[in-house]
Amino acid sequence: MSAQLLSIRELSVGVEDKEILHDLNFNLNRGETHVLMGPNGAGKSTLGYALMGNPRYEITGGHIFFDGKDITEESPAERARDGIFLSFQSPVEVPGITLGNFIRTAMEQRTGKRIRPWGFRKELKKAMDILQMDEDYADRDLNVGFSGGEKKKAEILQLLMLKPSLAILDETDSGLDVDAVRTVSRGVEEYQKDKNGALLIITHSTRILEALHVDRTHILVDGKIVTSGDASLVDEINANGFEKYIQQ
């Protein structure tokens, strides 16, 4: 049985004095892929930001344990060094720093070691080939002038290069056409090959899941996990939607 990586216990989270998540509990093991689904406004993205330590999302109760350590009070930078990665639903533009330099700096902060430029470029090209990205993107300012699909590819490129222990993908397929979804899925599949890493995929769609192995599925409604199951739960939601669970 895989070793437990993430444990969420009785977690409640609020934003501006409004509680969004209520007493959430679930565990995620190394090598597993979990999917968190639910209608718009259910609190799915709130969970992702809370796990990453965004200060806007106040933990009002409960604890987050990561790799055996209580990280409830840790900063986002500390959690990133621990090996947690969040792919944003709407990646921001960062003028003045290239995509390549951003990734290299993040890798050095993650590992605490200086990375040689030649070896980094070789590894970066390999990852960019998987995502069908032109090498020129490495020398462009991070997300500046990128299309929606290009921004999502840049996020998955960071995932492949940083090799986090836990990757949280928040609506990664949002706004992407069919071809872009396939390309992004290919990058996620590549990450799944590392059995020490785990995935939490937050989505209200199922397009990105079609080519991926899913171990557990959780349905979030009004800030509570109302049911959990295996990958077949994704097929049920695909066929019938969330109405059954919203009415519970």
Protein backbone atom coordinates (compact mmCIF):
# COMPACT_ATOMS: atom_id res chain seq x y z
CA MET A 1 0.00 0.00 0.00
CA SER A 2 1.28 3.45 -0.87
CA ALA A 3 2.54 5.74 1.87
CA GLN A 4 0.19 8.55 2.86
CA LEU A 5 1.30 11.93 1.48
CA LEU A 6 -1.55 14.36 2.20
CA SER A 7 -4.07 14.21 5.03
CA ILE A 8 -6.80 16.82 5.44
CA ARG A 9 -8.59 16.64 8.79
CA GLU A 10 -11.75 18.57 9.65
CA LEU A 11 -10.58 21.44 7.44
CA SER A 12 -12.69 24.60 7.34
CA VAL A 13 -11.68 27.62 5.25
CA GLY A 14 -13.13 31.11 5.03
CA VAL A 15 -12.70 34.14 2.80
CA GLU A 16 -13.50 37.61 4.15
CA ASP A 17 -15.46 36.23 7.13
CA LYS A 18 -17.49 33.84 4.97
CA GLU A 19 -16.85 30.14 5.52
CA ILE A 20 -16.49 28.34 2.17
CA LEU A 21 -15.26 24.85 3.17
CA HIS A 22 -16.75 22.94 6.08
CA ASP A 23 -14.99 20.11 7.96
CA LEU A 24 -13.33 18.43 4.96
CA ASN A 25 -11.58 15.10 5.44
CA PHE A 26 -9.63 13.04 2.94
CA ASN A 27 -6.29 11.33 2.45
CA LEU A 28 -4.11 11.03 -0.63
CA ASN A 29 -1.26 8.54 -1.01
CA ARG A 30 1.94 8.77 -3.03
CA GLY A 31 1.44 7.75 -6.63
CA GLU A 32 -2.32 8.32 -6.55
CA THR A 33 -4.47 10.61 -8.68
CA HIS A 34 -7.55 12.07 -7.01
CA VAL A 35 -10.19 14.17 -8.76
CA LEU A 36 -12.25 16.83 -7.01
CA MET A 37 -15.41 17.68 -8.93
CA GLY A 38 -18.45 19.79 -8.26
CA PRO A 39 -20.65 22.56 -9.63
CA ASN A 40 -19.43 26.14 -9.96
CA GLY A 41 -19.11 27.86 -6.59
CA ALA A 42 -18.75 24.63 -4.63
CA GLY A 43 -15.38 25.67 -3.18
CA LYS A 44 -13.06 23.56 -5.32
CA SER A 45 -10.54 26.32 -6.07
CA THR A 46 -10.73 27.47 -2.45
CA LEU A 47 -9.35 24.09 -1.39
CA GLY A 48 -6.48 24.38 -3.87
CA TYR A 49 -5.51 27.84 -2.62
CA ALA A 50 -5.82 26.75 1.02
CA LEU A 51 -3.54 23.76 0.42
CA MET A 52 -0.99 26.09 -1.19
CA GLY A 53 -1.20 28.53 1.75
CA ASN A 54 -2.68 31.58 0.02
CA PRO A 55 -3.12 34.06 2.92
CA ARG A 56 -6.45 35.30 1.55
CA TYR A 57 -7.94 31.91 2.42
CA GLU A 58 -8.10 31.67 6.21
CA ILE A 59 -8.08 28.24 7.80
CA THR A 60 -10.71 28.53 10.52
CA GLY A 61 -10.51 24.94 11.71
CA GLY A 62 -8.74 21.65 11.20
CA HIS A 63 -5.29 20.71 9.97
CA ILE A 64 -3.33 19.90 6.82
CA PHE A 65 -0.64 17.23 7.12
CA PHE A 66 1.86 16.78 4.30
CA ASP A 67 4.41 13.97 4.29
CA GLY A 68 3.81 13.47 8.02
CA LYS A 69 4.23 17.15 8.95
CA ASP A 70 1.57 19.63 10.04
CA ILE A 71 1.82 22.44 7.45
CA THR A 72 -1.35 24.30 8.47
CA GLU A 73 0.63 27.41 9.47
CA GLU A 74 3.33 27.23 6.78
CA SER A 75 3.81 29.97 4.16
CA PRO A 76 3.33 29.31 0.43
CA ALA A 77 7.12 29.43 -0.07
CA GLU A 78 7.66 26.78 2.60
CA ARG A 79 5.00 24.56 1.09
CA ALA A 80 6.58 24.92 -2.35
CA ARG A 81 9.93 23.83 -0.90
CA ASP A 82 8.16 20.89 0.75
CA GLY A 83 7.08 19.80 -2.74
CA ILE A 84 3.56 21.19 -3.28
CA PHE A 85 2.73 22.69 -6.67
CA LEU A 86 -0.43 24.55 -7.72
CA SER A 87 -1.30 25.11 -11.37
CA PHE A 88 -3.48 28.21 -11.51
CA GLN A 89 -6.81 28.42 -13.31
CA SER A 90 -5.81 31.84 -14.68
CA PRO A 91 -1.98 32.10 -14.75
CA VAL A 92 -0.70 35.64 -14.24
CA GLU A 93 1.70 37.51 -16.52
CA VAL A 94 5.12 38.35 -15.04
CA PRO A 95 7.00 40.94 -17.14
CA GLY A 96 10.76 41.09 -16.72
CA ILE A 97 11.47 37.42 -16.04
CA THR A 98 11.60 34.80 -18.76
CA LEU A 99 9.81 31.48 -18.51
CA GLY A 100 13.15 29.64 -18.55
CA ASN A 101 14.71 31.77 -15.80
CA PHE A 102 11.57 31.51 -13.68
CA ILE A 103 11.64 27.71 -13.84
CA ARG A 104 15.37 27.50 -13.21
CA THR A 105 15.13 29.78 -10.15
CA ALA A 106 12.19 27.77 -8.81
CA MET A 107 14.15 24.53 -9.24
CA GLU A 108 17.14 25.97 -7.37
CA GLN A 109 14.92 27.12 -4.52
CA ARG A 110 13.20 23.73 -4.43
CA THR A 111 16.44 21.72 -4.36
CA GLY A 112 18.76 24.21 -2.63
CA LYS A 113 21.34 23.52 -5.32
CA ARG A 114 22.74 25.58 -8.20
CA ILE A 115 21.66 24.22 -11.59
CA ARG A 116 24.06 24.27 -14.52
CA PRO A 117 22.64 26.14 -17.52
CA TRP A 118 23.58 23.52 -20.12
CA GLY A 119 21.99 20.62 -18.25
CA PHE A 120 18.92 22.72 -17.47
CA ARG A 121 18.42 23.67 -21.13
CA LYS A 122 18.69 20.04 -22.19
CA GLU A 123 16.07 18.93 -19.65
CA LEU A 124 13.85 21.90 -20.51
CA LYS A 125 13.90 21.06 -24.23
CA LYS A 126 12.88 17.47 -23.48
CA ALA A 127 9.88 18.66 -21.46
CA MET A 128 8.94 21.26 -24.07
CA ASP A 129 9.00 18.60 -26.79
CA ILE A 130 6.44 16.57 -24.81
CA LEU A 131 4.17 19.63 -24.74
CA GLN A 132 4.87 20.57 -28.36
CA MET A 133 6.20 23.97 -27.26
CA ASP A 134 8.62 25.99 -29.36
CA GLU A 135 11.94 26.50 -27.55
CA ASP A 136 11.60 30.28 -28.09
CA TYR A 137 8.98 30.37 -25.33
CA ALA A 138 11.73 29.78 -22.77
CA ASP A 139 13.17 33.20 -23.61
CA ARG A 140 9.84 35.07 -23.50
CA ASP A 141 8.59 36.87 -20.40
CA LEU A 142 6.47 34.55 -18.26
CA ASN A 143 2.96 34.34 -19.75
CA VAL A 144 3.26 37.81 -21.34
CA GLY A 145 1.39 37.71 -24.63
CA PHE A 146 0.72 33.97 -24.24
CA SER A 147 -2.62 32.62 -25.38
CA GLY A 148 -4.77 30.73 -22.88
CA GLY A 149 -3.48 27.41 -24.17
CA GLU A 150 0.13 28.56 -24.09
CA LYS A 151 -0.26 29.68 -20.46
CA LYS A 152 -1.61 26.26 -19.49
CA LYS A 153 1.25 24.54 -21.31
CA ALA A 154 3.71 26.77 -19.43
CA GLU A 155 2.11 25.64 -16.15
CA ILE A 156 2.48 21.96 -17.07
CA LEU A 157 6.05 22.64 -18.19
CA GLN A 158 6.78 23.91 -14.67
CA LEU A 159 5.18 20.74 -13.29
CA LEU A 160 7.44 18.50 -15.39
CA MET A 161 10.57 20.43 -14.49
CA LEU A 162 9.93 20.91 -10.76
CA LYS A 163 8.75 17.32 -10.18
CA PRO A 164 6.74 18.15 -7.04
CA SER A 165 5.58 15.51 -4.59
CA LEU A 166 2.02 16.81 -4.89
CA ALA A 167 0.61 18.61 -7.94
CA ILE A 168 -2.71 20.43 -7.60
CA LEU A 169 -4.19 21.22 -11.01
CA ASP A 170 -6.99 23.78 -10.82
CA GLU A 171 -9.26 23.74 -13.89
CA THR A 172 -6.25 23.10 -16.13
CA ASP A 173 -8.47 22.31 -19.13
CA SER A 174 -10.58 25.47 -18.75
CA GLY A 175 -10.83 27.41 -22.00
CA LEU A 176 -8.71 24.97 -24.01
CA ASP A 177 -9.62 23.52 -27.38
CA VAL A 178 -9.56 19.77 -28.00
CA ASP A 179 -5.98 19.68 -29.32
CA ALA A 180 -4.64 21.76 -26.40
CA VAL A 181 -6.40 19.49 -23.89
CA ARG A 182 -4.72 16.46 -25.48
CA THR A 183 -1.31 18.13 -25.27
CA VAL A 184 -1.75 19.17 -21.65
CA SER A 185 -3.02 15.67 -20.79
CA ARG A 186 0.14 14.24 -22.35
CA GLY A 187 2.22 16.33 -19.95
CA VAL A 188 0.13 15.21 -16.97
CA GLU A 189 0.51 11.58 -18.09
CA GLU A 190 4.27 12.08 -18.14
CA TYR A 191 4.15 13.34 -14.55
CA GLN A 192 2.04 10.31 -13.53
CA LYS A 193 4.89 8.00 -14.55
CA ASP A 194 6.70 9.07 -11.36
CA LYS A 195 5.02 6.82 -8.80
CA ASN A 196 6.32 8.97 -5.93
CA GLY A 197 4.28 11.97 -7.06
CA ALA A 198 0.56 12.49 -6.45
CA LEU A 199 -2.09 14.50 -8.28
CA LEU A 200 -5.18 16.37 -7.10
CA ILE A 201 -7.11 17.45 -10.19
CA ILE A 202 -9.77 20.08 -9.52
CA THR A 203 -12.33 20.33 -12.30
CA HIS A 204 -16.01 20.58 -13.17
CA SER A 205 -15.31 19.11 -16.62
CA THR A 206 -14.02 15.65 -17.51
CA ARG A 207 -12.11 16.31 -20.74
CA ILE A 208 -8.64 16.27 -19.18
CA LEU A 209 -9.43 13.00 -17.37
CA GLU A 210 -10.14 10.93 -20.48
CA ALA A 211 -6.53 9.78 -20.95
CA LEU A 212 -5.55 9.69 -17.27
CA HIS A 213 -5.66 6.98 -14.63
CA VAL A 214 -7.86 8.09 -11.72
CA ASP A 215 -7.76 6.37 -8.32
CA ARG A 216 -10.37 8.32 -6.34
CA THR A 217 -13.07 10.86 -7.13
CA HIS A 218 -14.62 13.29 -4.64
CA ILE A 219 -17.76 15.39 -5.20
CA LEU A 220 -17.80 18.78 -3.48
CA VAL A 221 -21.10 20.63 -3.02
CA ASP A 222 -21.55 23.78 -0.92
CA GLY A 223 -18.14 23.36 0.67
CA LYS A 224 -18.62 19.75 1.74
CA ILE A 225 -17.52 16.44 0.23
CA VAL A 226 -20.86 14.72 -0.26
CA THR A 227 -19.54 11.46 -1.73
CA SER A 228 -16.33 9.74 -2.82
CA GLY A 229 -15.71 6.81 -5.11
CA ASP A 230 -13.46 5.35 -7.77
CA ALA A 231 -13.03 6.44 -11.39
CA SER A 232 -16.53 5.23 -12.27
CA LEU A 233 -17.91 8.24 -10.39
CA VAL A 234 -16.44 10.44 -13.14
CA ASP A 235 -18.47 8.53 -15.73
CA GLU A 236 -21.61 8.94 -13.63
CA ILE A 237 -21.13 12.72 -13.44
CA ASN A 238 -20.46 12.78 -17.18
CA ALA A 239 -23.78 11.06 -17.82
CA ASN A 240 -26.01 12.65 -15.18
CA GLY A 241 -24.34 15.83 -13.91
CA PHE A 242 -24.31 17.01 -10.30
CA GLU A 243 -28.06 17.46 -9.74
CA LYS A 244 -28.41 14.28 -7.68
CA TYR A 245 -25.75 15.50 -5.23
CA ILE A 246 -26.89 19.13 -5.14
CA GLN A 247 -30.33 17.96 -3.97
CA GLN A 248 -28.91 15.88 -1.10
